[in-house]
Amino acid sequence: MAVTLDDLSGGRLILGIGAGWHGPEYEAFGLPFDHRVGRFAEDLEVIARLLRGETVDLEGPWRTYRQALLLPPPSRQIPILVASKGERMLGLTATWADAWNTAWFGRVDDRLRTRLADLDAACAAAGRDPATIRRTVGIRLHPPGEGSDDKEGTDAGPAALADFFDELAAAGFDDAIVWSLAKTPSTLEQIARARELHQARAA
């Protein structure tokens, strides 16, 4: 499905996958909720190797593959994004992912700096250059004047949001994923304006 969607989109797909966390979602689909990271470790390795065009054999505690491959093969190596913060998940991210996500934030603070340091440590343990993994961050954006008690969000207007984008870029982030709690055209315009201001400064 990922290869087909990437082809239909002209090579624009980023495949975001993770171990999940919400038990009722697993129950709704009849999936086991135990050993989530262990199961995900097997799945992530297989998906990454298949998308690289490999033929995969794997005998794991939960999955067995025999000469698995994708036909037709991928026309490019589709980037994989994993959201992670725990030691095991960060290790898997550093080993197999092309991009990493952490969320939710409304400022560059010690919590965010710790997440970045933990990713660097995971890359070092995996023998990977930290500069080779794309860093993305989730931002929770409240309507102006709301969310002042949200320690993981912001209500910044275009100028202040552009400043935040500048700070994130300086901290090493490549992309911001904005979760706007207000679903209005004016909010989208404010985000677009903040992006324009940020890009103008970076040019």
N, C-alpha and C. Protein backbone atom coordinates (compact mmCIF):
# COMPACT_ATOMS: atom_id res chain seq x y z
N MET A 1 0.83 -1.21 0.00
CA MET A 1 0.00 0.00 0.00
C MET A 1 0.86 1.25 0.00
N ALA A 2 1.96 1.22 0.79
CA ALA A 2 2.83 2.39 0.84
C ALA A 2 3.49 2.64 -0.52
N VAL A 3 3.94 1.57 -1.16
CA VAL A 3 4.58 1.72 -2.47
C VAL A 3 3.59 2.27 -3.48
N THR A 4 2.35 1.79 -3.46
CA THR A 4 1.33 2.28 -4.39
C THR A 4 1.03 3.75 -4.15
N LEU A 5 0.85 4.13 -2.88
CA LEU A 5 0.55 5.53 -2.56
C LEU A 5 1.73 6.43 -2.93
N ASP A 6 2.94 5.97 -2.70
CA ASP A 6 4.10 6.77 -3.07
C ASP A 6 4.14 6.99 -4.58
N ASP A 7 3.80 5.96 -5.34
CA ASP A 7 3.78 6.08 -6.80
C ASP A 7 2.69 7.05 -7.24
N LEU A 8 1.50 6.94 -6.65
CA LEU A 8 0.38 7.81 -7.02
C LEU A 8 0.66 9.27 -6.65
N SER A 9 1.42 9.49 -5.59
CA SER A 9 1.70 10.85 -5.12
C SER A 9 2.95 11.46 -5.75
N GLY A 10 3.55 10.75 -6.68
CA GLY A 10 4.76 11.28 -7.30
C GLY A 10 5.96 11.27 -6.38
N GLY A 11 6.04 10.28 -5.51
CA GLY A 11 7.20 10.17 -4.63
C GLY A 11 7.18 11.13 -3.46
N ARG A 12 5.99 11.41 -2.91
CA ARG A 12 5.89 12.37 -1.81
C ARG A 12 5.54 11.73 -0.47
N LEU A 13 5.44 10.40 -0.43
CA LEU A 13 5.02 9.74 0.81
C LEU A 13 6.14 9.69 1.84
N ILE A 14 5.80 10.00 3.08
CA ILE A 14 6.62 9.68 4.25
C ILE A 14 5.79 8.71 5.08
N LEU A 15 6.30 7.52 5.30
CA LEU A 15 5.55 6.48 5.99
C LEU A 15 5.77 6.59 7.49
N GLY A 16 4.78 7.09 8.20
CA GLY A 16 4.85 7.21 9.66
C GLY A 16 4.27 5.98 10.32
N ILE A 17 5.06 5.29 11.12
CA ILE A 17 4.60 4.09 11.81
C ILE A 17 5.08 4.11 13.25
N GLY A 18 4.36 3.38 14.11
CA GLY A 18 4.73 3.36 15.52
C GLY A 18 4.14 2.17 16.23
N ALA A 19 4.47 2.04 17.51
CA ALA A 19 4.02 0.90 18.30
C ALA A 19 2.59 1.08 18.82
N GLY A 20 2.07 2.31 18.78
CA GLY A 20 0.73 2.55 19.32
C GLY A 20 0.76 2.62 20.84
N TRP A 21 -0.38 3.07 21.41
CA TRP A 21 -0.43 3.23 22.86
C TRP A 21 -1.85 3.07 23.42
N HIS A 22 -2.87 3.13 22.55
CA HIS A 22 -4.26 3.20 23.00
C HIS A 22 -4.89 1.80 22.94
N GLY A 23 -5.03 1.18 24.12
CA GLY A 23 -5.54 -0.18 24.19
C GLY A 23 -6.83 -0.44 23.45
N PRO A 24 -7.86 0.42 23.59
CA PRO A 24 -9.12 0.16 22.89
C PRO A 24 -8.99 0.05 21.37
N GLU A 25 -8.01 0.74 20.78
CA GLU A 25 -7.80 0.61 19.34
C GLU A 25 -7.35 -0.81 18.99
N TYR A 26 -6.46 -1.35 19.79
CA TYR A 26 -6.02 -2.72 19.57
C TYR A 26 -7.20 -3.69 19.71
N GLU A 27 -7.97 -3.51 20.76
CA GLU A 27 -9.11 -4.39 21.01
C GLU A 27 -10.12 -4.33 19.87
N ALA A 28 -10.35 -3.14 19.32
CA ALA A 28 -11.33 -2.97 18.24
C ALA A 28 -10.95 -3.79 17.01
N PHE A 29 -9.65 -3.97 16.78
CA PHE A 29 -9.19 -4.70 15.60
C PHE A 29 -8.73 -6.12 15.92
N GLY A 30 -8.93 -6.54 17.17
CA GLY A 30 -8.56 -7.89 17.56
C GLY A 30 -7.07 -8.13 17.61
N LEU A 31 -6.30 -7.08 17.91
CA LEU A 31 -4.85 -7.20 17.96
C LEU A 31 -4.36 -7.30 19.40
N PRO A 32 -3.33 -8.10 19.65
CA PRO A 32 -2.80 -8.20 21.02
C PRO A 32 -2.12 -6.91 21.44
N PHE A 33 -2.28 -6.56 22.71
CA PHE A 33 -1.73 -5.30 23.23
C PHE A 33 -0.42 -5.52 23.99
N ASP A 34 -0.07 -6.78 24.23
CA ASP A 34 1.15 -7.06 24.99
C ASP A 34 2.37 -7.02 24.08
N HIS A 35 3.53 -6.83 24.66
CA HIS A 35 4.82 -6.86 23.94
C HIS A 35 4.79 -5.94 22.72
N ARG A 36 4.23 -4.74 22.89
CA ARG A 36 4.06 -3.85 21.73
C ARG A 36 5.39 -3.47 21.10
N VAL A 37 6.38 -3.14 21.92
CA VAL A 37 7.66 -2.72 21.35
C VAL A 37 8.37 -3.90 20.70
N GLY A 38 8.31 -5.07 21.30
CA GLY A 38 8.92 -6.24 20.71
C GLY A 38 8.31 -6.61 19.37
N ARG A 39 6.98 -6.57 19.30
CA ARG A 39 6.29 -6.84 18.04
C ARG A 39 6.64 -5.77 17.00
N PHE A 40 6.66 -4.52 17.46
CA PHE A 40 6.97 -3.42 16.54
C PHE A 40 8.39 -3.54 16.00
N ALA A 41 9.31 -3.99 16.84
CA ALA A 41 10.71 -4.14 16.41
C ALA A 41 10.79 -5.07 15.20
N GLU A 42 10.07 -6.18 15.25
CA GLU A 42 10.08 -7.11 14.11
C GLU A 42 9.43 -6.47 12.89
N ASP A 43 8.28 -5.84 13.09
CA ASP A 43 7.57 -5.23 11.96
C ASP A 43 8.38 -4.12 11.32
N LEU A 44 9.00 -3.27 12.14
CA LEU A 44 9.77 -2.15 11.61
C LEU A 44 10.95 -2.64 10.77
N GLU A 45 11.67 -3.64 11.27
CA GLU A 45 12.80 -4.18 10.50
C GLU A 45 12.33 -4.70 9.15
N VAL A 46 11.25 -5.47 9.15
CA VAL A 46 10.77 -6.06 7.90
C VAL A 46 10.30 -4.99 6.93
N ILE A 47 9.53 -4.03 7.43
CA ILE A 47 9.03 -2.96 6.55
C ILE A 47 10.19 -2.17 5.96
N ALA A 48 11.16 -1.81 6.80
CA ALA A 48 12.31 -1.03 6.31
C ALA A 48 13.08 -1.80 5.26
N ARG A 49 13.30 -3.07 5.48
CA ARG A 49 14.08 -3.87 4.52
C ARG A 49 13.30 -4.09 3.23
N LEU A 50 11.99 -4.31 3.32
CA LEU A 50 11.19 -4.46 2.11
C LEU A 50 11.20 -3.19 1.28
N LEU A 51 11.08 -2.04 1.95
CA LEU A 51 11.06 -0.77 1.22
C LEU A 51 12.43 -0.44 0.62
N ARG A 52 13.47 -1.10 1.11
CA ARG A 52 14.79 -0.94 0.51
C ARG A 52 15.01 -1.89 -0.66
N GLY A 53 14.00 -2.70 -0.95
CA GLY A 53 14.08 -3.63 -2.07
C GLY A 53 14.68 -4.97 -1.73
N GLU A 54 14.83 -5.26 -0.43
CA GLU A 54 15.42 -6.53 -0.03
C GLU A 54 14.39 -7.66 -0.05
N THR A 55 14.89 -8.87 -0.14
CA THR A 55 14.10 -10.07 0.12
C THR A 55 14.35 -10.47 1.56
N VAL A 56 13.28 -10.66 2.33
CA VAL A 56 13.42 -10.76 3.79
C VAL A 56 13.08 -12.16 4.29
N ASP A 57 13.98 -12.71 5.10
CA ASP A 57 13.72 -13.88 5.91
C ASP A 57 13.85 -13.45 7.37
N LEU A 58 12.88 -13.81 8.18
CA LEU A 58 12.94 -13.46 9.60
C LEU A 58 12.20 -14.51 10.41
N GLU A 59 12.86 -14.97 11.45
CA GLU A 59 12.24 -15.91 12.39
C GLU A 59 12.29 -15.26 13.75
N GLY A 60 11.18 -14.64 14.17
CA GLY A 60 11.14 -13.94 15.44
C GLY A 60 10.14 -14.56 16.38
N PRO A 61 10.06 -14.05 17.61
CA PRO A 61 9.08 -14.57 18.57
C PRO A 61 7.64 -14.42 18.10
N TRP A 62 7.37 -13.38 17.27
CA TRP A 62 5.99 -13.11 16.89
C TRP A 62 5.74 -13.17 15.38
N ARG A 63 6.78 -13.06 14.57
CA ARG A 63 6.60 -13.01 13.12
C ARG A 63 7.56 -14.00 12.45
N THR A 64 7.09 -14.58 11.35
CA THR A 64 7.93 -15.44 10.53
C THR A 64 7.75 -15.05 9.08
N TYR A 65 8.87 -14.78 8.41
CA TYR A 65 8.84 -14.40 6.99
C TYR A 65 9.77 -15.34 6.22
N ARG A 66 9.32 -15.75 5.04
CA ARG A 66 10.11 -16.60 4.17
C ARG A 66 10.18 -15.98 2.78
N GLN A 67 11.36 -15.48 2.41
CA GLN A 67 11.56 -14.93 1.07
C GLN A 67 10.51 -13.87 0.72
N ALA A 68 10.20 -13.01 1.69
CA ALA A 68 9.21 -11.95 1.46
C ALA A 68 9.84 -10.82 0.65
N LEU A 69 9.08 -10.32 -0.32
CA LEU A 69 9.54 -9.18 -1.11
C LEU A 69 8.34 -8.45 -1.68
N LEU A 70 8.57 -7.22 -2.11
CA LEU A 70 7.51 -6.40 -2.69
C LEU A 70 7.60 -6.46 -4.21
N LEU A 71 6.49 -6.80 -4.84
CA LEU A 71 6.39 -6.80 -6.30
C LEU A 71 5.14 -6.05 -6.71
N PRO A 72 5.25 -5.02 -7.58
CA PRO A 72 6.52 -4.52 -8.12
C PRO A 72 7.35 -3.85 -7.03
N PRO A 73 8.65 -3.78 -7.24
CA PRO A 73 9.52 -3.21 -6.21
C PRO A 73 9.33 -1.70 -6.10
N PRO A 74 9.70 -1.11 -4.96
CA PRO A 74 9.61 0.35 -4.81
C PRO A 74 10.48 1.05 -5.84
N SER A 75 9.98 2.17 -6.37
CA SER A 75 10.77 2.94 -7.34
C SER A 75 11.81 3.81 -6.64
N ARG A 76 11.66 3.99 -5.32
CA ARG A 76 12.64 4.73 -4.53
C ARG A 76 12.57 4.20 -3.11
N GLN A 77 13.51 4.60 -2.26
CA GLN A 77 13.46 4.21 -0.86
C GLN A 77 12.53 5.16 -0.12
N ILE A 78 11.34 4.69 0.21
CA ILE A 78 10.34 5.53 0.89
C ILE A 78 10.81 5.81 2.31
N PRO A 79 10.88 7.07 2.71
CA PRO A 79 11.36 7.38 4.06
C PRO A 79 10.37 6.93 5.13
N ILE A 80 10.90 6.40 6.21
CA ILE A 80 10.11 5.94 7.36
C ILE A 80 10.31 6.91 8.50
N LEU A 81 9.20 7.34 9.10
CA LEU A 81 9.23 8.23 10.26
C LEU A 81 8.67 7.47 11.46
N VAL A 82 9.38 7.55 12.58
CA VAL A 82 8.94 6.91 13.82
C VAL A 82 8.92 7.94 14.93
N ALA A 83 7.83 7.99 15.67
CA ALA A 83 7.74 8.82 16.87
C ALA A 83 8.19 7.97 18.06
N SER A 84 9.11 8.51 18.85
CA SER A 84 9.64 7.72 19.96
C SER A 84 10.23 8.62 21.02
N LYS A 85 10.26 8.08 22.25
CA LYS A 85 10.92 8.79 23.35
C LYS A 85 11.57 7.85 24.35
N GLY A 86 11.08 6.61 24.45
CA GLY A 86 11.69 5.65 25.36
C GLY A 86 12.97 5.07 24.77
N GLU A 87 13.81 4.49 25.63
CA GLU A 87 15.13 4.02 25.20
C GLU A 87 15.02 2.96 24.10
N ARG A 88 14.13 1.98 24.26
CA ARG A 88 14.03 0.92 23.25
C ARG A 88 13.51 1.46 21.93
N MET A 89 12.49 2.30 21.97
CA MET A 89 11.94 2.86 20.74
C MET A 89 12.92 3.79 20.06
N LEU A 90 13.68 4.56 20.83
CA LEU A 90 14.70 5.42 20.24
C LEU A 90 15.78 4.58 19.57
N GLY A 91 16.12 3.45 20.17
CA GLY A 91 17.10 2.56 19.56
C GLY A 91 16.62 2.02 18.22
N LEU A 92 15.35 1.65 18.16
CA LEU A 92 14.77 1.18 16.89
C LEU A 92 14.74 2.30 15.86
N THR A 93 14.40 3.50 16.33
CA THR A 93 14.38 4.66 15.43
C THR A 93 15.76 4.91 14.84
N ALA A 94 16.77 4.89 15.69
CA ALA A 94 18.13 5.14 15.23
C ALA A 94 18.62 4.06 14.28
N THR A 95 18.11 2.84 14.44
CA THR A 95 18.55 1.73 13.61
C THR A 95 17.87 1.70 12.25
N TRP A 96 16.56 2.00 12.21
CA TRP A 96 15.79 1.73 10.99
C TRP A 96 15.13 2.95 10.36
N ALA A 97 14.89 4.02 11.09
CA ALA A 97 14.07 5.12 10.58
C ALA A 97 14.92 6.16 9.84
N ASP A 98 14.25 6.87 8.95
CA ASP A 98 14.86 8.00 8.24
C ASP A 98 14.53 9.32 8.92
N ALA A 99 13.44 9.34 9.70
CA ALA A 99 12.99 10.56 10.36
C ALA A 99 12.42 10.19 11.72
N TRP A 100 12.45 11.16 12.63
CA TRP A 100 12.00 10.97 14.02
C TRP A 100 11.05 12.09 14.37
N ASN A 101 10.03 11.76 15.17
CA ASN A 101 9.11 12.78 15.66
C ASN A 101 9.02 12.73 17.17
N THR A 102 8.90 13.92 17.77
CA THR A 102 8.59 14.04 19.18
C THR A 102 7.49 15.08 19.33
N ALA A 103 6.63 14.92 20.34
CA ALA A 103 5.49 15.82 20.51
C ALA A 103 5.01 15.70 21.96
N TRP A 104 4.18 16.61 22.46
CA TRP A 104 3.76 17.87 21.88
C TRP A 104 4.45 18.99 22.62
N PHE A 105 4.73 20.08 21.91
CA PHE A 105 5.51 21.16 22.51
C PHE A 105 4.95 22.52 22.10
N GLY A 106 5.20 23.51 22.98
CA GLY A 106 4.81 24.88 22.67
C GLY A 106 5.97 25.83 22.85
N ARG A 107 7.16 25.25 23.14
CA ARG A 107 8.36 26.07 23.34
C ARG A 107 9.57 25.13 23.31
N VAL A 108 10.73 25.71 23.08
CA VAL A 108 11.97 24.95 23.21
C VAL A 108 12.38 25.02 24.68
N ASP A 109 12.19 23.92 25.39
CA ASP A 109 12.45 23.90 26.82
C ASP A 109 13.38 22.72 27.16
N ASP A 110 13.62 22.53 28.44
CA ASP A 110 14.52 21.46 28.87
C ASP A 110 13.98 20.09 28.48
N ARG A 111 12.66 19.93 28.50
CA ARG A 111 12.08 18.64 28.12
C ARG A 111 12.40 18.32 26.66
N LEU A 112 12.29 19.31 25.79
CA LEU A 112 12.58 19.10 24.38
C LEU A 112 14.08 18.88 24.17
N ARG A 113 14.91 19.64 24.86
CA ARG A 113 16.35 19.45 24.74
C ARG A 113 16.77 18.05 25.21
N THR A 114 16.10 17.54 26.24
CA THR A 114 16.39 16.19 26.71
C THR A 114 16.02 15.16 25.66
N ARG A 115 14.87 15.35 24.98
CA ARG A 115 14.48 14.44 23.91
C ARG A 115 15.54 14.41 22.81
N LEU A 116 16.04 15.58 22.44
CA LEU A 116 17.08 15.66 21.40
C LEU A 116 18.35 14.94 21.85
N ALA A 117 18.75 15.16 23.09
CA ALA A 117 19.95 14.50 23.61
C ALA A 117 19.77 12.99 23.65
N ASP A 118 18.56 12.53 23.99
CA ASP A 118 18.29 11.09 24.02
C ASP A 118 18.38 10.48 22.62
N LEU A 119 17.91 11.20 21.61
CA LEU A 119 18.02 10.70 20.24
C LEU A 119 19.49 10.62 19.83
N ASP A 120 20.27 11.65 20.14
CA ASP A 120 21.70 11.63 19.82
C ASP A 120 22.38 10.43 20.48
N ALA A 121 22.01 10.15 21.73
CA ALA A 121 22.60 9.02 22.45
C ALA A 121 22.22 7.70 21.78
N ALA A 122 20.97 7.59 21.33
CA ALA A 122 20.53 6.37 20.64
C ALA A 122 21.29 6.19 19.33
N CYS A 123 21.50 7.27 18.61
CA CYS A 123 22.27 7.20 17.36
C CYS A 123 23.70 6.76 17.64
N ALA A 124 24.29 7.30 18.69
CA ALA A 124 25.66 6.92 19.04
C ALA A 124 25.73 5.43 19.37
N ALA A 125 24.74 4.93 20.12
CA ALA A 125 24.72 3.51 20.48
C ALA A 125 24.55 2.62 19.26
N ALA A 126 23.82 3.12 18.24
CA ALA A 126 23.59 2.35 17.02
C ALA A 126 24.70 2.54 15.99
N GLY A 127 25.68 3.41 16.31
CA GLY A 127 26.75 3.68 15.38
C GLY A 127 26.30 4.50 14.18
N ARG A 128 25.34 5.37 14.41
CA ARG A 128 24.78 6.17 13.31
C ARG A 128 25.11 7.66 13.51
N ASP A 129 25.40 8.33 12.41
CA ASP A 129 25.61 9.77 12.45
C ASP A 129 24.27 10.44 12.74
N PRO A 130 24.13 11.19 13.84
CA PRO A 130 22.86 11.82 14.17
C PRO A 130 22.35 12.76 13.08
N ALA A 131 23.25 13.30 12.26
CA ALA A 131 22.85 14.23 11.21
C ALA A 131 22.09 13.54 10.08
N THR A 132 22.10 12.20 10.06
CA THR A 132 21.43 11.48 8.97
C THR A 132 19.97 11.18 9.26
N ILE A 133 19.46 11.58 10.41
CA ILE A 133 18.05 11.35 10.72
C ILE A 133 17.32 12.68 10.77
N ARG A 134 16.23 12.77 10.04
CA ARG A 134 15.45 14.01 9.99
C ARG A 134 14.65 14.16 11.28
N ARG A 135 14.64 15.37 11.83
CA ARG A 135 13.99 15.61 13.13
C ARG A 135 12.72 16.43 12.92
N THR A 136 11.63 15.91 13.43
CA THR A 136 10.35 16.61 13.33
C THR A 136 9.75 16.75 14.72
N VAL A 137 8.96 17.80 14.92
CA VAL A 137 8.38 18.06 16.24
C VAL A 137 6.90 18.44 16.08
N GLY A 138 6.08 17.91 16.95
CA GLY A 138 4.66 18.25 16.96
C GLY A 138 4.40 19.44 17.85
N ILE A 139 3.63 20.40 17.31
CA ILE A 139 3.28 21.62 18.03
C ILE A 139 1.77 21.64 18.22
N ARG A 140 1.32 21.88 19.44
CA ARG A 140 -0.12 22.03 19.70
C ARG A 140 -0.44 23.52 19.77
N LEU A 141 -1.27 23.99 18.83
CA LEU A 141 -1.55 25.42 18.70
C LEU A 141 -2.99 25.72 19.13
N HIS A 142 -3.12 26.56 20.16
CA HIS A 142 -4.43 26.97 20.66
C HIS A 142 -4.89 28.25 19.97
N PRO A 143 -6.20 28.51 19.96
CA PRO A 143 -6.67 29.81 19.48
C PRO A 143 -6.09 30.92 20.35
N PRO A 144 -5.89 32.12 19.79
CA PRO A 144 -5.32 33.23 20.58
C PRO A 144 -6.09 33.45 21.88
N GLY A 145 -5.35 33.59 22.98
CA GLY A 145 -5.96 33.85 24.28
C GLY A 145 -6.39 32.61 25.02
N GLU A 146 -6.25 31.42 24.41
CA GLU A 146 -6.65 30.17 25.05
C GLU A 146 -5.42 29.29 25.28
N GLY A 147 -5.59 28.33 26.15
CA GLY A 147 -4.53 27.36 26.38
C GLY A 147 -3.36 27.85 27.19
N SER A 148 -3.57 28.90 27.99
CA SER A 148 -2.45 29.43 28.77
C SER A 148 -1.98 28.44 29.83
N ASP A 149 -2.84 27.48 30.22
CA ASP A 149 -2.47 26.49 31.22
C ASP A 149 -1.91 25.22 30.60
N ASP A 150 -1.79 25.20 29.27
CA ASP A 150 -1.28 24.02 28.58
C ASP A 150 0.24 24.11 28.49
N LYS A 151 0.93 23.28 29.25
CA LYS A 151 2.39 23.31 29.28
C LYS A 151 3.00 22.74 28.01
N GLU A 152 2.19 22.07 27.19
CA GLU A 152 2.70 21.45 25.97
C GLU A 152 2.13 22.11 24.72
N GLY A 153 1.63 23.33 24.85
CA GLY A 153 1.04 24.01 23.71
C GLY A 153 1.36 25.49 23.72
N THR A 154 0.89 26.18 22.68
CA THR A 154 1.13 27.61 22.55
C THR A 154 -0.09 28.26 21.90
N ASP A 155 -0.25 29.54 22.13
CA ASP A 155 -1.32 30.30 21.47
C ASP A 155 -0.71 31.46 20.67
N ALA A 156 0.51 31.26 20.19
CA ALA A 156 1.26 32.32 19.53
C ALA A 156 0.60 32.77 18.24
N GLY A 157 0.65 34.10 17.98
CA GLY A 157 0.23 34.64 16.70
C GLY A 157 1.32 34.45 15.67
N PRO A 158 1.12 34.94 14.44
CA PRO A 158 2.08 34.68 13.35
C PRO A 158 3.51 35.07 13.67
N ALA A 159 3.74 36.26 14.25
CA ALA A 159 5.10 36.71 14.51
C ALA A 159 5.78 35.83 15.57
N ALA A 160 5.05 35.57 16.65
CA ALA A 160 5.62 34.75 17.73
C ALA A 160 5.79 33.30 17.27
N LEU A 161 4.87 32.81 16.45
CA LEU A 161 5.00 31.44 15.94
C LEU A 161 6.20 31.34 15.00
N ALA A 162 6.44 32.38 14.21
CA ALA A 162 7.63 32.40 13.36
C ALA A 162 8.89 32.37 14.22
N ASP A 163 8.89 33.10 15.34
CA ASP A 163 10.03 33.06 16.26
C ASP A 163 10.25 31.64 16.79
N PHE A 164 9.14 30.96 17.09
CA PHE A 164 9.22 29.58 17.58
C PHE A 164 9.81 28.67 16.49
N PHE A 165 9.37 28.85 15.24
CA PHE A 165 9.95 28.08 14.14
C PHE A 165 11.46 28.33 14.05
N ASP A 166 11.88 29.59 14.25
CA ASP A 166 13.30 29.93 14.22
C ASP A 166 14.05 29.16 15.31
N GLU A 167 13.47 29.12 16.52
CA GLU A 167 14.11 28.44 17.64
C GLU A 167 14.21 26.94 17.38
N LEU A 168 13.16 26.38 16.80
CA LEU A 168 13.18 24.95 16.50
C LEU A 168 14.25 24.62 15.46
N ALA A 169 14.36 25.46 14.44
CA ALA A 169 15.39 25.25 13.43
C ALA A 169 16.78 25.34 14.05
N ALA A 170 16.98 26.30 14.94
CA ALA A 170 18.27 26.47 15.60
C ALA A 170 18.60 25.26 16.48
N ALA A 171 17.55 24.61 17.01
CA ALA A 171 17.75 23.43 17.85
C ALA A 171 18.01 22.18 17.03
N GLY A 172 17.83 22.28 15.71
CA GLY A 172 18.12 21.14 14.83
C GLY A 172 16.93 20.46 14.21
N PHE A 173 15.74 21.05 14.36
CA PHE A 173 14.55 20.45 13.78
C PHE A 173 14.39 20.86 12.32
N ASP A 174 13.97 19.89 11.49
CA ASP A 174 13.75 20.12 10.07
C ASP A 174 12.31 20.47 9.75
N ASP A 175 11.37 19.94 10.52
CA ASP A 175 9.94 20.12 10.23
C ASP A 175 9.16 20.28 11.53
N ALA A 176 8.07 21.05 11.43
CA ALA A 176 7.11 21.16 12.52
C ALA A 176 5.75 20.67 12.03
N ILE A 177 5.15 19.78 12.80
CA ILE A 177 3.80 19.29 12.51
C ILE A 177 2.85 20.04 13.44
N VAL A 178 2.02 20.89 12.87
CA VAL A 178 1.18 21.78 13.67
C VAL A 178 -0.20 21.16 13.86
N TRP A 179 -0.55 20.91 15.11
CA TRP A 179 -1.91 20.46 15.46
C TRP A 179 -2.65 21.70 15.95
N SER A 180 -3.45 22.25 15.07
CA SER A 180 -4.22 23.44 15.42
C SER A 180 -5.56 23.02 16.01
N LEU A 181 -5.83 23.46 17.23
CA LEU A 181 -7.10 23.12 17.87
C LEU A 181 -8.26 23.91 17.26
N ALA A 182 -7.96 25.04 16.62
CA ALA A 182 -8.97 25.80 15.89
C ALA A 182 -8.90 25.41 14.42
N LYS A 183 -10.00 24.93 13.88
CA LYS A 183 -10.04 24.47 12.48
C LYS A 183 -10.74 25.53 11.63
N THR A 184 -10.05 26.66 11.44
CA THR A 184 -10.65 27.76 10.70
C THR A 184 -9.69 28.25 9.62
N PRO A 185 -10.21 28.84 8.53
CA PRO A 185 -9.34 29.39 7.49
C PRO A 185 -8.38 30.45 8.02
N SER A 186 -8.84 31.27 8.97
CA SER A 186 -7.96 32.32 9.49
C SER A 186 -6.77 31.72 10.24
N THR A 187 -6.98 30.60 10.93
CA THR A 187 -5.88 29.95 11.63
C THR A 187 -4.86 29.42 10.62
N LEU A 188 -5.33 28.82 9.55
CA LEU A 188 -4.42 28.34 8.51
C LEU A 188 -3.63 29.49 7.90
N GLU A 189 -4.29 30.63 7.73
CA GLU A 189 -3.60 31.80 7.19
C GLU A 189 -2.52 32.28 8.15
N GLN A 190 -2.80 32.25 9.46
CA GLN A 190 -1.80 32.67 10.45
C GLN A 190 -0.59 31.74 10.43
N ILE A 191 -0.84 30.42 10.32
CA ILE A 191 0.26 29.46 10.26
C ILE A 191 1.08 29.68 8.99
N ALA A 192 0.39 29.91 7.88
CA ALA A 192 1.09 30.16 6.61
C ALA A 192 1.93 31.42 6.69
N ARG A 193 1.39 32.46 7.34
CA ARG A 193 2.13 33.71 7.49
C ARG A 193 3.36 33.49 8.35
N ALA A 194 3.23 32.72 9.43
CA ALA A 194 4.37 32.42 10.29
C ALA A 194 5.44 31.66 9.51
N ARG A 195 5.02 30.74 8.68
CA ARG A 195 5.97 29.98 7.86
C ARG A 195 6.70 30.89 6.88
N GLU A 196 5.97 31.80 6.27
CA GLU A 196 6.59 32.75 5.34
C GLU A 196 7.63 33.61 6.04
N LEU A 197 7.29 34.11 7.23
CA LEU A 197 8.24 34.92 7.99
C LEU A 197 9.50 34.13 8.33
N HIS A 198 9.29 32.90 8.77
CA HIS A 198 10.42 32.03 9.12
C HIS A 198 11.31 31.76 7.91
N GLN A 199 10.70 31.46 6.78
CA GLN A 199 11.49 31.14 5.58
C GLN A 199 12.23 32.37 5.07
N ALA A 200 11.60 33.55 5.20
CA ALA A 200 12.26 34.76 4.75
C ALA A 200 13.52 35.02 5.57
N ARG A 201 13.44 34.78 6.87
CA ARG A 201 14.60 34.99 7.73
C ARG A 201 15.71 33.97 7.43
N ALA A 202 15.31 32.75 7.07
CA ALA A 202 16.29 31.69 6.83
C ALA A 202 16.96 31.82 5.46
N ALA A 203 16.33 32.59 4.56
CA ALA A 203 16.87 32.71 3.19
C ALA A 203 18.18 33.47 3.16
